[in-house]
């Protein structure tokens, strides 16, 4: 029973913190950070548009395992254009298919129907994905109609001018270029930059992959421009076609990043700049740290838990047996048959009886100068046998 109890204790000690961490992280990732529900276009319940919208949601949800993290869908009949619904989802480029699917499912089955009920046009952003639909096609078009700015409340410490330059250079020289040239499957890029010896800046930019290189570039530049003269220690700009974000802590999954796109061919005689090589070196170092540190922490935690569980194991202990009687250096145990005992004690004569012991009468051996003790079982319920009586011959110290 104790072993089973200890096994349960070890199981919950090891796995419960991990399960709670996953649940909390997943719940946070599926909490909307912003939504935009148009009030100008509405639909009535039990209409064709509502049926088409529900069908669109199913299309998007069933395709949320797309490795590219992006999918477009249309629901409705071309003959009734006013009832057509266009939609797509975009998952953050560092998320796996499971995380992407969870985010899209939450948006299409729960949040959009409840947060934006009866809206013909709506868009919702999460930390891990974005889902959008409309009664008008927006595929392949850069939408700069709205920008939502979310800023960290903490101001920049240190040289704010250098911080602004660092953010601008990181996005314009690295992130915008890489994201815009990411191809038709994924337009996503990240980068890091050292602000101080102890502080690192992390940046991310992503466009919907249906945009052209120039449209993605323009969308990201609009987002960066919204930060002018209002930079804090972290922030992001949400647009229908792209997202830009920076923080002073690692907010994206470095270990799951796809390799960056190949650099554009250089003119003959030129080589990559030292700044570019230095940036790649920083990324590699950050990736190694992000992988090694969690592994070490988990191993240490497991060792501590195992040690604690070992202390809970109960071991059986026995009290020392109390000794009584005379102190002997050695006790030699001998066994005699019944005939020998009768002969030695004159058939258990009272004349040879020394007294009563803990196990019956005690006799002395007759016709010898050396006394030996013989115990005869006092139990009346057990018949005598050749091994029922034993004689012990103690040797005094």
Protein backbone atom coordinates (compact mmCIF):
# COMPACT_ATOMS: atom_id res chain seq x y z
CA UNK A 1 0.00 0.00 0.00
CA UNK A 2 2.86 2.33 0.89
CA UNK A 3 4.56 1.65 -2.45
CA UNK A 4 1.36 2.51 -4.32
CA UNK A 5 0.95 5.68 -2.28
CA UNK A 6 4.53 6.70 -2.97
CA UNK A 7 4.05 6.01 -6.69
CA UNK A 8 1.03 8.33 -6.82
CA UNK A 9 2.96 10.96 -4.90
CA UNK A 10 5.88 10.76 -7.30
CA UNK A 11 3.58 10.87 -10.35
CA UNK A 12 1.70 13.98 -9.25
CA UNK A 13 4.87 15.68 -8.03
CA UNK A 14 6.51 15.28 -11.42
CA UNK A 15 3.66 15.68 -13.87
CA UNK A 16 1.16 18.02 -12.22
CA UNK A 17 3.43 21.12 -12.47
CA UNK A 18 4.03 20.32 -16.14
CA UNK A 19 0.31 19.84 -16.82
CA UNK A 20 -0.61 23.06 -15.04
CA UNK A 21 2.07 24.95 -16.97
CA UNK A 22 0.76 23.65 -20.30
CA UNK A 23 -2.84 24.46 -19.37
CA UNK A 24 -2.00 27.99 -18.23
CA UNK A 25 0.16 28.65 -21.27
CA UNK A 26 -2.52 27.33 -23.64
CA UNK A 27 -5.25 29.36 -21.93
CA UNK A 28 -3.19 32.53 -22.18
CA UNK A 29 -2.39 31.92 -25.84
CA UNK A 30 -6.12 31.50 -26.63
CA UNK A 31 -7.24 34.71 -24.95
CA UNK A 32 -8.09 37.40 -27.53
CA UNK A 33 -5.81 40.42 -27.31
CA UNK A 34 -8.00 42.53 -29.63
CA UNK A 35 -11.00 42.27 -31.93
CA UNK A 36 -12.71 44.49 -34.48
CA UNK A 37 -16.42 43.89 -35.15
CA UNK A 38 -17.96 46.08 -37.82
CA UNK A 39 -21.28 47.63 -36.83
CA UNK A 40 -22.11 48.83 -40.33
CA UNK A 41 -22.97 45.44 -41.82
CA UNK A 42 -25.20 43.00 -39.94
CA UNK A 43 -27.04 39.79 -40.81
CA UNK A 44 -30.23 38.36 -39.37
CA UNK A 45 -30.52 34.99 -37.71
CA UNK A 46 -31.50 31.94 -39.77
CA UNK A 47 -30.40 33.58 -43.03
CA UNK A 48 -28.24 32.23 -45.84
CA UNK A 49 -25.34 34.42 -44.75
CA UNK A 50 -25.39 32.86 -41.28
CA UNK A 51 -25.38 29.37 -42.81
CA UNK A 52 -22.49 30.31 -45.11
CA UNK A 53 -20.54 31.82 -42.22
CA UNK A 54 -20.91 28.65 -40.16
CA UNK A 55 -19.71 26.62 -43.14
CA UNK A 56 -16.72 28.95 -43.51
CA UNK A 57 -15.82 28.46 -39.85
CA UNK A 58 -15.82 24.69 -40.38
CA UNK A 59 -13.58 25.05 -43.45
CA UNK A 60 -11.07 27.14 -41.53
CA UNK A 61 -11.07 24.89 -38.48
CA UNK A 62 -10.59 21.71 -40.51
CA UNK A 63 -7.60 23.22 -42.33
CA UNK A 64 -5.87 24.60 -39.24
CA UNK A 65 -3.25 21.84 -39.44
CA UNK A 66 -1.84 23.34 -42.64
CA UNK A 67 1.97 23.34 -42.16
CA UNK A 68 2.20 26.89 -43.50
CA UNK A 69 -0.11 28.16 -40.73
CA UNK A 70 -2.32 29.95 -43.28
CA UNK A 71 -5.50 29.09 -45.17
CA UNK A 72 -8.12 30.91 -47.25
CA UNK A 73 -11.72 29.77 -47.70
CA UNK A 74 -14.91 30.96 -49.37
CA UNK A 75 -18.45 29.88 -48.60
CA UNK A 76 -21.54 30.64 -50.67
CA UNK A 77 -22.84 30.66 -54.21
CA UNK A 78 -21.41 32.96 -56.84
CA UNK A 79 -24.96 33.68 -57.99
CA UNK A 80 -25.75 35.30 -54.64
CA UNK A 81 -22.66 37.42 -54.08
CA UNK A 82 -24.25 39.36 -51.25
CA UNK A 83 -24.41 36.14 -49.23
CA UNK A 84 -20.83 34.98 -49.92
CA UNK A 85 -18.38 34.89 -47.03
CA UNK A 86 -14.59 35.15 -47.40
CA UNK A 87 -12.24 34.23 -44.60
CA UNK A 88 -8.72 33.23 -43.66
CA UNK A 89 -6.56 32.51 -40.63
CA UNK A 90 -2.89 33.26 -39.99
CA UNK A 91 -0.97 31.49 -37.23
CA UNK A 92 2.25 32.92 -35.86
CA UNK A 93 5.18 31.51 -37.77
CA UNK A 94 6.86 29.83 -34.80
CA UNK A 95 3.76 27.87 -33.68
CA UNK A 96 3.28 24.15 -34.31
CA UNK A 97 0.17 22.73 -35.98
CA UNK A 98 -1.42 21.71 -32.67
CA UNK A 99 -1.14 25.21 -31.21
CA UNK A 100 -2.41 26.70 -34.46
CA UNK A 101 -5.42 24.40 -34.55
CA UNK A 102 -6.35 25.15 -30.93
CA UNK A 103 -6.22 28.88 -31.59
CA UNK A 104 -8.29 28.74 -34.80
CA UNK A 105 -10.86 26.40 -33.21
CA UNK A 106 -11.30 28.78 -30.28
CA UNK A 107 -11.86 31.71 -32.63
CA UNK A 108 -14.32 30.01 -34.99
CA UNK A 109 -16.35 27.96 -32.50
CA UNK A 110 -16.48 30.25 -29.47
CA UNK A 111 -15.11 33.77 -29.62
CA UNK A 112 -16.17 35.18 -33.00
CA UNK A 113 -19.80 33.96 -32.72
CA UNK A 114 -20.05 35.37 -29.18
CA UNK A 115 -17.91 38.51 -29.38
CA UNK A 116 -19.08 39.58 -32.85
CA UNK A 117 -22.60 38.16 -33.19
CA UNK A 118 -24.49 38.82 -36.44
CA UNK A 119 -21.54 40.78 -37.90
CA UNK A 120 -20.80 40.38 -41.60
CA UNK A 121 -17.25 41.67 -41.10
CA UNK A 122 -14.99 40.80 -38.17
CA UNK A 123 -11.38 40.13 -37.24
CA UNK A 124 -9.86 38.80 -34.02
CA UNK A 125 -6.23 38.62 -32.87
CA UNK A 126 -4.63 36.25 -30.39
CA UNK A 127 -1.06 35.85 -29.28
CA UNK A 128 -0.77 32.80 -31.55
CA UNK A 129 -3.10 33.50 -34.46
CA UNK A 130 -5.47 35.85 -36.27
CA UNK A 131 -8.85 34.99 -37.90
CA UNK A 132 -10.72 37.28 -40.28
CA UNK A 133 -13.88 37.10 -42.39
CA UNK A 134 -15.90 39.51 -44.55
CA UNK A 135 -18.69 39.68 -47.10
CA UNK A 136 -16.15 41.19 -49.52
CA UNK A 137 -13.03 39.46 -50.81
CA UNK A 138 -9.78 40.77 -49.31
CA UNK A 139 -7.43 38.05 -50.55
CA UNK A 140 -4.11 39.31 -51.91
CA UNK A 141 -4.79 42.91 -50.88
CA UNK A 142 -2.89 44.89 -48.28
CA UNK A 143 -5.37 46.39 -45.83
CA UNK A 144 -4.05 49.45 -44.03
CA UNK A 145 -7.45 50.76 -43.03
CA UNK A 146 -6.87 50.27 -39.33
CA UNK A 147 -3.97 49.89 -36.92
CA UNK A 148 -4.23 48.91 -33.27
CA UNK A 149 -1.28 49.87 -31.07
CA UNK A 150 -0.66 47.92 -27.87
CA UNK A 151 2.16 49.20 -25.65
CA UNK A 152 3.88 47.97 -22.52
CA UNK A 153 3.29 50.27 -19.55
CA UNK A 154 6.97 50.22 -18.55
CA UNK A 155 9.15 52.95 -19.99
CA UNK A 156 12.59 52.30 -21.42
CA UNK A 157 15.42 52.50 -18.91
CA UNK A 158 18.75 53.85 -20.01
CA UNK A 159 19.50 55.57 -23.30
CA UNK A 160 16.08 55.95 -24.97
CA UNK A 161 17.58 57.43 -28.15
CA UNK A 162 19.79 54.41 -28.66
CA UNK A 163 16.82 52.14 -27.92
CA UNK A 164 14.74 53.78 -30.66
CA UNK A 165 17.61 53.43 -33.12
CA UNK A 166 18.07 49.78 -32.15
CA UNK A 167 14.38 48.98 -32.71
CA UNK A 168 14.30 50.82 -36.04
CA UNK A 169 17.46 49.18 -37.37
CA UNK A 170 16.43 45.70 -36.24
CA UNK A 171 13.09 45.92 -38.04
CA UNK A 172 14.05 47.83 -41.18
CA UNK A 173 17.37 46.08 -41.83
CA UNK A 174 16.46 42.53 -40.84
CA UNK A 175 12.85 41.69 -40.00
CA UNK A 176 11.07 43.62 -42.77
CA UNK A 177 13.47 42.34 -45.43
CA UNK A 178 13.25 38.71 -44.35
CA UNK A 179 9.49 38.66 -43.82
CA UNK A 180 8.67 40.37 -47.13
CA UNK A 181 10.89 37.93 -49.02
CA UNK A 182 9.61 34.88 -47.17
CA UNK A 183 7.76 33.35 -50.11
CA UNK A 184 4.15 32.38 -50.75
CA UNK A 185 3.95 29.92 -47.83
CA UNK A 186 5.19 32.02 -44.93
CA UNK A 187 6.18 35.68 -44.53
CA UNK A 188 7.59 35.63 -41.01
CA UNK A 189 10.84 36.81 -39.42
CA UNK A 190 12.39 37.41 -36.01
CA UNK A 191 15.60 38.96 -34.76
CA UNK A 192 17.42 39.87 -31.55
CA UNK A 193 19.70 42.76 -30.62
CA UNK A 194 21.75 43.54 -27.51
CA UNK A 195 20.58 46.70 -25.76
CA UNK A 196 22.86 46.39 -22.73
CA UNK A 197 25.15 43.68 -21.43
CA UNK A 198 22.19 42.27 -19.50
CA UNK A 199 19.24 43.20 -21.75
CA UNK A 200 18.28 41.77 -25.12
CA UNK A 201 15.68 43.13 -27.53
CA UNK A 202 13.43 40.63 -29.34
CA UNK A 203 11.48 41.53 -32.47
CA UNK A 204 8.94 39.84 -34.76
CA UNK A 205 7.22 40.71 -38.02
CA UNK A 206 4.68 38.75 -40.09
CA UNK A 207 2.44 39.33 -43.10
CA UNK A 208 -0.31 37.19 -44.58
CA UNK A 209 1.51 35.15 -47.25
CA UNK A 210 -0.95 36.16 -49.98
CA UNK A 211 0.65 39.64 -50.10
CA UNK A 212 3.29 40.61 -52.61
CA UNK A 213 6.79 41.51 -51.49
CA UNK A 214 6.10 45.22 -51.87
CA UNK A 215 2.73 45.07 -50.06
CA UNK A 216 4.20 43.15 -47.13
CA UNK A 217 7.09 45.61 -46.94
CA UNK A 218 4.68 48.54 -46.96
CA UNK A 219 2.40 47.01 -44.31
CA UNK A 220 5.30 46.36 -41.93
CA UNK A 221 6.68 49.87 -42.46
CA UNK A 222 3.27 51.33 -41.57
CA UNK A 223 3.31 49.31 -38.37
CA UNK A 224 6.82 50.48 -37.43
CA UNK A 225 5.83 54.07 -38.17
CA UNK A 226 3.12 53.86 -35.52
CA UNK A 227 5.85 53.52 -32.88
CA UNK A 228 7.39 56.91 -33.64
CA UNK A 229 8.04 58.91 -30.45
CA UNK A 230 6.04 56.46 -28.30
CA UNK A 231 8.41 53.54 -27.75
CA UNK A 232 8.12 51.80 -24.40
CA UNK A 233 9.86 48.63 -23.23
CA UNK A 234 7.54 46.57 -25.42
CA UNK A 235 4.67 46.87 -27.87
CA UNK A 236 2.96 45.62 -30.99
CA UNK A 237 0.89 46.95 -33.87
CA UNK A 238 -2.01 44.83 -35.15
CA UNK A 239 -3.21 45.32 -38.72
CA UNK A 240 -5.52 43.15 -40.83
CA UNK A 241 -2.62 42.19 -43.13
CA UNK A 242 0.42 42.17 -40.84
CA UNK A 243 1.75 42.32 -37.29
CA UNK A 244 4.92 43.79 -35.78
CA UNK A 245 6.03 43.31 -32.18
CA UNK A 246 9.05 43.82 -29.93
CA UNK A 247 9.73 43.01 -26.28
CA UNK A 248 12.60 42.96 -23.80
CA UNK A 249 11.94 39.27 -23.12
CA UNK A 250 11.75 36.25 -25.46
CA UNK A 251 8.08 35.98 -26.42
CA UNK A 252 8.46 33.66 -29.42
CA UNK A 253 9.59 30.04 -29.65
CA UNK A 254 13.21 30.21 -30.72
CA UNK A 255 13.63 26.44 -30.80
CA UNK A 256 10.83 25.95 -33.34
CA UNK A 257 11.84 28.64 -35.78
CA UNK A 258 12.24 27.62 -39.40
CA UNK A 259 15.59 28.52 -40.95
CA UNK A 260 15.61 32.04 -42.40
CA UNK A 261 15.27 32.43 -46.16
CA UNK A 262 18.42 32.39 -48.23
CA UNK A 263 19.97 35.87 -48.57
CA UNK A 264 19.69 37.64 -51.87
CA UNK A 265 22.70 37.04 -54.17
CA UNK A 266 25.43 39.63 -53.69
CA UNK A 267 27.17 41.42 -56.55
CA UNK A 268 30.57 39.92 -57.48
CA UNK A 269 33.41 40.92 -55.19
CA UNK A 270 31.22 41.59 -52.14
CA UNK A 271 30.84 39.50 -49.03
CA UNK A 272 28.27 39.54 -46.23
CA UNK A 273 28.72 42.40 -43.77
CA UNK A 274 30.03 41.83 -40.29
CA UNK A 275 26.74 43.13 -38.85
CA UNK A 276 24.80 40.37 -40.62
CA UNK A 277 27.21 37.68 -39.44
CA UNK A 278 27.06 39.07 -35.91
CA UNK A 279 23.25 38.97 -35.96
CA UNK A 280 23.27 35.31 -37.03
CA UNK A 281 25.74 34.50 -34.26
CA UNK A 282 23.45 36.15 -31.70
CA UNK A 283 20.47 34.12 -32.94
CA UNK A 284 22.42 30.85 -32.70
CA UNK A 285 23.56 31.63 -29.17
CA UNK A 286 20.02 32.54 -28.12
CA UNK A 287 18.62 29.32 -29.58
CA UNK A 288 21.19 27.22 -27.69
CA UNK A 289 20.42 29.00 -24.41
CA UNK A 290 16.66 28.64 -24.94
CA UNK A 291 17.04 24.87 -25.40
CA UNK A 292 19.67 24.06 -22.77
CA UNK A 293 18.33 26.11 -19.83
CA UNK A 294 14.82 24.51 -19.69
CA UNK A 295 16.34 21.01 -19.98
CA UNK A 296 18.73 21.67 -17.08
CA UNK A 297 15.92 23.12 -14.94
CA UNK A 298 13.69 20.09 -15.59
CA UNK A 299 16.51 17.64 -14.73
CA UNK A 300 17.28 19.45 -11.47
CA UNK A 301 13.57 19.48 -10.56
CA UNK A 302 13.28 15.74 -11.21
CA UNK A 303 16.30 15.01 -9.00
CA UNK A 304 14.88 17.11 -6.15
CA UNK A 305 11.49 15.40 -6.44
CA UNK A 306 13.06 11.92 -6.41
CA UNK A 307 15.06 12.77 -3.27
CA UNK A 308 11.93 14.07 -1.53
CA UNK A 309 9.95 10.96 -2.48
CA UNK A 310 12.70 8.71 -1.10
CA UNK A 311 12.38 10.41 2.29
CA UNK A 312 8.69 9.52 2.42
CA UNK A 313 9.31 5.81 2.10
CA UNK A 314 8.56 4.05 5.35
CA UNK A 315 11.04 1.42 6.57
CA UNK A 316 10.18 -1.20 9.19
CA UNK A 317 12.23 -0.96 12.39
CA UNK A 318 12.44 -3.39 15.25
CA UNK A 319 13.08 -2.67 18.92
CA UNK A 320 16.06 -4.47 20.36
CA UNK A 321 15.11 -7.65 22.26
CA UNK A 322 15.59 -7.22 25.98
CA UNK A 323 17.81 -9.89 27.55
CA UNK A 324 17.30 -11.19 31.04
CA UNK A 325 18.86 -13.73 33.28
CA UNK A 326 22.51 -14.51 33.86
CA UNK A 327 25.24 -13.11 31.69
CA UNK A 328 26.91 -15.84 29.68
CA UNK A 329 29.74 -15.51 27.25
CA UNK A 330 28.54 -18.49 25.23
CA UNK A 331 25.53 -20.72 25.27
CA UNK A 332 25.85 -24.13 23.71
CA UNK A 333 22.54 -25.64 22.64
CA UNK A 334 22.22 -29.42 22.74
CA UNK A 335 19.33 -31.78 22.03
CA UNK A 336 18.71 -35.17 23.71
CA UNK A 337 16.22 -37.92 23.14
CA UNK A 338 13.63 -38.78 25.78
CA UNK A 339 15.38 -41.97 26.95
CA UNK A 340 18.57 -40.07 27.68
CA UNK A 341 16.65 -37.44 29.64
CA UNK A 342 14.86 -40.08 31.73
CA UNK A 343 18.17 -41.71 32.51
CA UNK A 344 19.83 -38.41 33.36
CA UNK A 345 17.04 -37.32 35.71
CA UNK A 346 16.12 -40.69 37.21
CA UNK A 347 12.90 -40.67 35.32
CA UNK A 348 12.25 -37.05 36.25
CA UNK A 349 12.53 -37.82 39.95
CA UNK A 350 11.58 -35.08 42.39
CA UNK A 351 14.94 -35.65 44.09
CA UNK A 352 16.65 -34.35 40.97
CA UNK A 353 14.28 -31.43 40.58
CA UNK A 354 15.92 -28.05 41.00
CA UNK A 355 12.85 -25.88 40.60
CA UNK A 356 10.44 -24.38 38.12
CA UNK A 357 11.58 -22.48 34.99
CA UNK A 358 9.78 -20.44 32.38
CA UNK A 359 9.19 -23.54 30.28
CA UNK A 360 8.54 -26.20 32.97
CA UNK A 361 10.47 -28.12 35.64
CA UNK A 362 14.26 -27.91 35.84
CA UNK A 363 16.28 -31.04 36.79
CA UNK A 364 19.88 -31.86 37.56
CA UNK A 365 21.74 -34.73 36.03
CA UNK A 366 22.27 -37.58 38.46
CA UNK A 367 25.55 -39.30 39.24
CA UNK A 368 27.80 -36.59 37.86
CA UNK A 369 29.64 -33.60 39.26
CA UNK A 370 28.44 -31.41 36.42
CA UNK A 371 24.90 -30.09 36.51
CA UNK A 372 22.86 -29.74 33.40
CA UNK A 373 19.42 -28.21 33.06
CA UNK A 374 16.55 -29.95 31.42
CA UNK A 375 13.25 -28.31 30.55
CA UNK A 376 10.17 -30.40 30.06
CA UNK A 377 7.30 -28.72 28.26
CA UNK A 378 4.51 -27.86 30.60
CA UNK A 379 1.95 -27.89 27.78
CA UNK A 380 -0.59 -30.66 28.26
CA UNK A 381 -2.18 -30.28 24.86
CA UNK A 382 0.86 -31.25 22.81
CA UNK A 383 2.12 -34.89 22.81
CA UNK A 384 5.79 -35.52 23.62
CA UNK A 385 8.26 -36.34 20.88
CA UNK A 386 11.98 -36.89 20.69
CA UNK A 387 12.51 -33.20 19.98
CA UNK A 388 10.11 -31.87 22.58
CA UNK A 389 12.81 -31.50 25.27
CA UNK A 390 16.14 -29.72 24.91
CA UNK A 391 18.96 -29.41 27.43
CA UNK A 392 21.14 -26.35 27.53
CA UNK A 393 24.52 -26.43 29.15
CA UNK A 394 25.60 -22.88 30.08
CA UNK A 395 29.21 -22.05 30.73
CA UNK A 396 29.58 -19.26 33.29
CA UNK A 397 31.80 -16.29 32.35
